[in-house]
Each structure stands twice: as structure tokens, then as C-alpha cells.
Amino acid sequence: MRASGGVNFIQLISGVFFLLAGITIYLLIRGNALPYLPEAWVVSEFLPYRITQLTHQLPTFTHLIAFSLFTAALLDGGRRNAALVCLFWLFIAIIFEVAQHPIVSGWLVPSVPQWFDKLWLLDNTRGFLVNGTFDPLDIVAAVLAALLTYLIINFTQAQRIILNINASQHVAMELERSLP
């Protein structure tokens, strides 16, 4: 069990790794697919077609793992919380994927408020819905990512490294006891 205020650094660092992996895939394979990142050197035109096809679901896969690990790193441990975290991010991923379906996006686009256009992160909502591509394999990737993340979270609970404000006090008390 985690001490109050603790952070699981293994999960946090793993989350950063998966997030960077997903962003790297976007930048190198998909090019300017991310609206908030600068254009990058795209290597997909130099890669065999099969490799670029295999990478299409990796951003969904890596981002679900990253956000689940970030959330789990900040919450108390346990299998129940691990399952809830993974299911929450799986639900979010499925909602975003279904929103890109032409029937759903056609229904949603007129409902997007005009004030979204003035807020960072929300200003691309309309573009996401209009230009996004529904892919059922992204849902499969999200389900697999949620299952893998559940295993990762449960495994890293045992290897917990806790940041606790009182930890420095504990170390100081142990040092005092060890002194003659």
C-alpha cells in the first residue's frame, strides 16, 4: 500500500517512456498529424509499406498505456484501482475513436460550441472530428493496451518507490539512532 502523498516513480517514468514513444511514432511516421507539434522529418516515405501499416495503431496503444500509468502513479495501489484506471482510459480512447466515425462526427461537428475555437486544446476539436479516421483496429489496440497496462500496474505495485514528505524525517531519525 502506498503512503499518503506518494508517487510511484516506476509507473511515472514508464508512462513518460510510452508517451515519448507515441509522440515519436507520430512525428516520424505520421508527419504533421499532431496539431500542436511542429512539422518533423517524416521517415515513413523511406520505410516499407508494411512497417508503416503496422505502426498506425501504435500511438493509440502507447498513449493509453502512458496516461493509465500517469494516473496509476498518483493513486493508491491495488487491483481494483488498477482496473478502474485502465477501464477509464480505455473508455476515453473508445469515445475518441467512435467520435471519428463519419456518421458520429457528422452528427457531432454542428454541436461543437464556437467558444471551443478560442481555447487551446479544444480549438482543434472540429478538425479532429472532420479529419479523423475511424479505425476499428485502434479500438483493438486500446483494449490490448488496457490489458497490458493492468499487468504493468500490478507488477510495479510491488516495486513501489514512494516520494513522501515524511521520508526525509524517517531517514534523519534512522541516522540519529545509528550514531553512537
Protein backbone atom coordinates (compact mmCIF):
# COMPACT_ATOMS: atom_id res chain seq x y z
CA MET A 1 0.00 0.00 0.00
CA ARG A 2 1.23 3.49 -0.78
CA ALA A 3 1.83 6.10 1.89
CA SER A 4 -0.33 9.16 1.66
CA GLY A 5 1.07 11.62 -0.88
CA GLY A 6 3.28 9.02 -2.51
CA VAL A 7 4.14 8.77 -6.19
CA ASN A 8 5.10 5.53 -7.89
CA PHE A 9 8.18 6.63 -9.84
CA ILE A 10 8.44 3.39 -11.77
CA GLN A 11 4.96 3.93 -13.18
CA LEU A 12 5.60 7.63 -13.75
CA ILE A 13 8.87 7.06 -15.63
CA SER A 14 7.34 4.20 -17.61
CA GLY A 15 4.45 6.49 -18.55
CA VAL A 16 6.90 9.12 -19.80
CA PHE A 17 8.66 6.45 -21.88
CA PHE A 18 5.41 5.30 -23.51
CA LEU A 19 4.25 8.88 -24.13
CA LEU A 20 7.54 9.78 -25.80
CA ALA A 21 7.37 6.59 -27.86
CA GLY A 22 3.87 7.51 -29.08
CA ILE A 23 4.89 11.08 -29.91
CA THR A 24 7.98 9.81 -31.74
CA ILE A 25 5.84 7.48 -33.83
CA TYR A 26 3.53 10.37 -34.71
CA LEU A 27 6.42 12.60 -35.67
CA LEU A 28 8.42 10.08 -37.66
CA ILE A 29 5.69 8.02 -39.29
CA ARG A 30 2.62 10.24 -39.47
CA GLY A 31 4.35 13.56 -40.01
CA ASN A 32 2.23 16.58 -39.14
CA ALA A 33 -0.66 14.57 -37.69
CA LEU A 34 -0.35 16.34 -34.34
CA PRO A 35 -1.74 19.86 -34.45
CA TYR A 36 0.36 21.20 -31.56
CA LEU A 37 3.75 19.84 -32.55
CA PRO A 38 5.96 21.34 -35.24
CA GLU A 39 6.37 19.58 -38.56
CA ALA A 40 9.02 16.90 -38.39
CA TRP A 41 11.25 14.91 -40.59
CA VAL A 42 8.96 12.14 -41.81
CA VAL A 43 10.63 8.78 -42.39
CA SER A 44 7.52 6.90 -43.50
CA GLU A 45 8.26 7.61 -47.15
CA PHE A 46 11.55 5.72 -46.74
CA LEU A 47 10.08 2.73 -44.89
CA PRO A 48 8.46 -0.33 -46.45
CA TYR A 49 4.68 -0.07 -46.66
CA ARG A 50 4.14 -2.99 -44.26
CA ILE A 51 6.11 -1.29 -41.49
CA THR A 52 4.14 1.95 -41.77
CA GLN A 53 0.90 -0.06 -41.77
CA LEU A 54 1.96 -1.84 -38.57
CA THR A 55 2.61 1.48 -36.85
CA HIS A 56 -0.85 3.00 -37.36
CA GLN A 57 -2.24 1.64 -34.08
CA LEU A 58 0.90 2.20 -32.00
CA PRO A 59 0.07 5.79 -30.97
CA THR A 60 -3.30 4.69 -29.58
CA PHE A 61 -1.58 1.78 -27.84
CA THR A 62 1.25 3.83 -26.33
CA HIS A 63 -0.87 6.81 -25.30
CA LEU A 64 -3.40 4.68 -23.45
CA ILE A 65 -0.56 2.98 -21.58
CA ALA A 66 1.11 6.32 -20.79
CA PHE A 67 -1.99 8.06 -19.45
CA SER A 68 -3.01 4.99 -17.46
CA LEU A 69 0.45 4.79 -15.89
CA PHE A 70 0.44 8.53 -15.09
CA THR A 71 -2.91 8.15 -13.36
CA ALA A 72 -1.92 4.98 -11.50
CA ALA A 73 1.34 6.59 -10.36
CA LEU A 74 -0.65 9.23 -8.48
CA LEU A 75 -3.31 6.96 -6.98
CA ASP A 76 -3.22 4.40 -4.23
CA GLY A 77 -2.37 0.93 -5.44
CA GLY A 78 -4.47 -2.18 -5.61
CA ARG A 79 -6.01 -4.34 -8.29
CA ARG A 80 -9.34 -2.54 -8.13
CA ASN A 81 -7.78 0.88 -8.74
CA ALA A 82 -5.58 -0.57 -11.49
CA ALA A 83 -8.66 -1.97 -13.22
CA LEU A 84 -10.59 1.30 -12.83
CA VAL A 85 -7.70 3.37 -14.22
CA CYS A 86 -7.31 1.09 -17.24
CA LEU A 87 -11.06 0.98 -17.90
CA PHE A 88 -11.34 4.77 -17.61
CA TRP A 89 -8.64 5.40 -20.23
CA LEU A 90 -10.00 2.60 -22.42
CA PHE A 91 -13.41 4.28 -22.32
CA ILE A 92 -11.83 7.63 -23.28
CA ALA A 93 -9.92 6.02 -26.18
CA ILE A 94 -13.05 4.30 -27.48
CA ILE A 95 -15.08 7.52 -27.23
CA PHE A 96 -12.44 9.42 -29.22
CA GLU A 97 -12.23 6.68 -31.83
CA VAL A 98 -16.00 6.36 -32.27
CA ALA A 99 -16.25 10.16 -32.50
CA GLN A 100 -14.14 9.93 -35.67
CA HIS A 101 -16.63 7.67 -37.41
CA PRO A 102 -18.22 9.64 -40.30
CA ILE A 103 -21.78 9.11 -39.04
CA VAL A 104 -20.92 10.16 -35.50
CA SER A 105 -18.63 13.04 -36.46
CA GLY A 106 -21.25 14.36 -38.89
CA TRP A 107 -23.68 14.49 -36.02
CA LEU A 108 -21.16 15.97 -33.52
CA VAL A 109 -19.49 18.70 -35.61
CA PRO A 110 -22.54 21.03 -35.64
CA SER A 111 -22.77 20.61 -31.85
CA VAL A 112 -19.23 21.83 -31.14
CA PRO A 113 -19.58 25.24 -29.44
CA GLN A 114 -17.96 28.23 -31.17
CA TRP A 115 -16.06 29.14 -27.99
CA PHE A 116 -14.03 25.90 -28.37
CA ASP A 117 -12.24 27.65 -31.25
CA LYS A 118 -10.76 30.17 -28.79
CA LEU A 119 -9.40 27.67 -26.23
CA TRP A 120 -6.11 25.87 -26.60
CA LEU A 121 -6.55 22.08 -26.80
CA LEU A 122 -10.23 22.48 -27.64
CA ASP A 123 -9.61 24.63 -30.72
CA ASN A 124 -8.84 21.53 -32.81
CA THR A 125 -12.00 19.63 -31.81
CA ARG A 126 -13.82 20.37 -35.04
CA GLY A 127 -10.75 19.47 -37.13
CA PHE A 128 -10.29 16.24 -35.17
CA LEU A 129 -13.88 15.23 -35.84
CA VAL A 130 -13.85 16.21 -39.52
CA ASN A 131 -10.37 14.94 -40.44
CA GLY A 132 -10.06 11.98 -38.07
CA THR A 133 -10.26 8.46 -39.44
CA PHE A 134 -12.24 5.81 -37.62
CA ASP A 135 -10.28 2.58 -37.41
CA PRO A 136 -11.66 -0.42 -35.52
CA LEU A 137 -8.07 -1.67 -35.13
CA ASP A 138 -7.43 1.36 -32.91
CA ILE A 139 -10.12 0.03 -30.57
CA VAL A 140 -8.40 -3.37 -30.59
CA ALA A 141 -5.08 -1.65 -29.83
CA ALA A 142 -6.71 0.24 -26.96
CA VAL A 143 -8.14 -2.96 -25.46
CA LEU A 144 -4.76 -4.69 -25.70
CA ALA A 145 -3.05 -1.64 -24.18
CA ALA A 146 -5.52 -1.59 -21.28
CA LEU A 147 -4.87 -5.28 -20.58
CA LEU A 148 -1.10 -4.84 -20.74
CA THR A 149 -1.23 -1.74 -18.57
CA TYR A 150 -3.26 -3.58 -15.94
CA LEU A 151 -0.46 -6.15 -15.75
CA ILE A 152 2.22 -3.43 -15.65
CA ILE A 153 0.46 -1.55 -12.86
CA ASN A 154 0.02 -4.68 -10.76
CA PHE A 155 3.64 -5.73 -11.32
CA THR A 156 5.03 -2.29 -10.42
CA GLN A 157 2.94 -2.07 -7.23
CA ALA A 158 5.41 -4.48 -5.64
CA GLN A 159 8.38 -2.41 -6.81
CA ARG A 160 6.97 0.81 -5.41
CA ILE A 161 9.32 3.72 -4.86
CA ILE A 162 7.49 6.30 -2.82
CA LEU A 163 8.05 10.02 -2.65
CA ASN A 164 6.86 11.02 0.78
CA ILE A 165 7.41 14.31 2.55
CA ASN A 166 7.98 12.42 5.79
CA ALA A 167 10.63 10.18 4.22
CA SER A 168 13.40 12.68 4.93
CA GLN A 169 12.31 12.79 8.57
CA HIS A 170 12.40 8.99 8.72
CA VAL A 171 15.94 8.91 7.29
CA ALA A 172 17.07 11.55 9.77
CA MET A 173 15.62 9.55 12.68
CA GLU A 174 17.36 6.37 11.48
CA LEU A 175 20.67 8.22 11.22
CA GLU A 176 20.28 9.55 14.77
CA ARG A 177 19.64 6.00 16.05
CA SER A 178 22.71 4.64 14.31
CA LEU A 179 25.05 7.27 15.75
CA PRO A 180 26.92 6.27 18.97
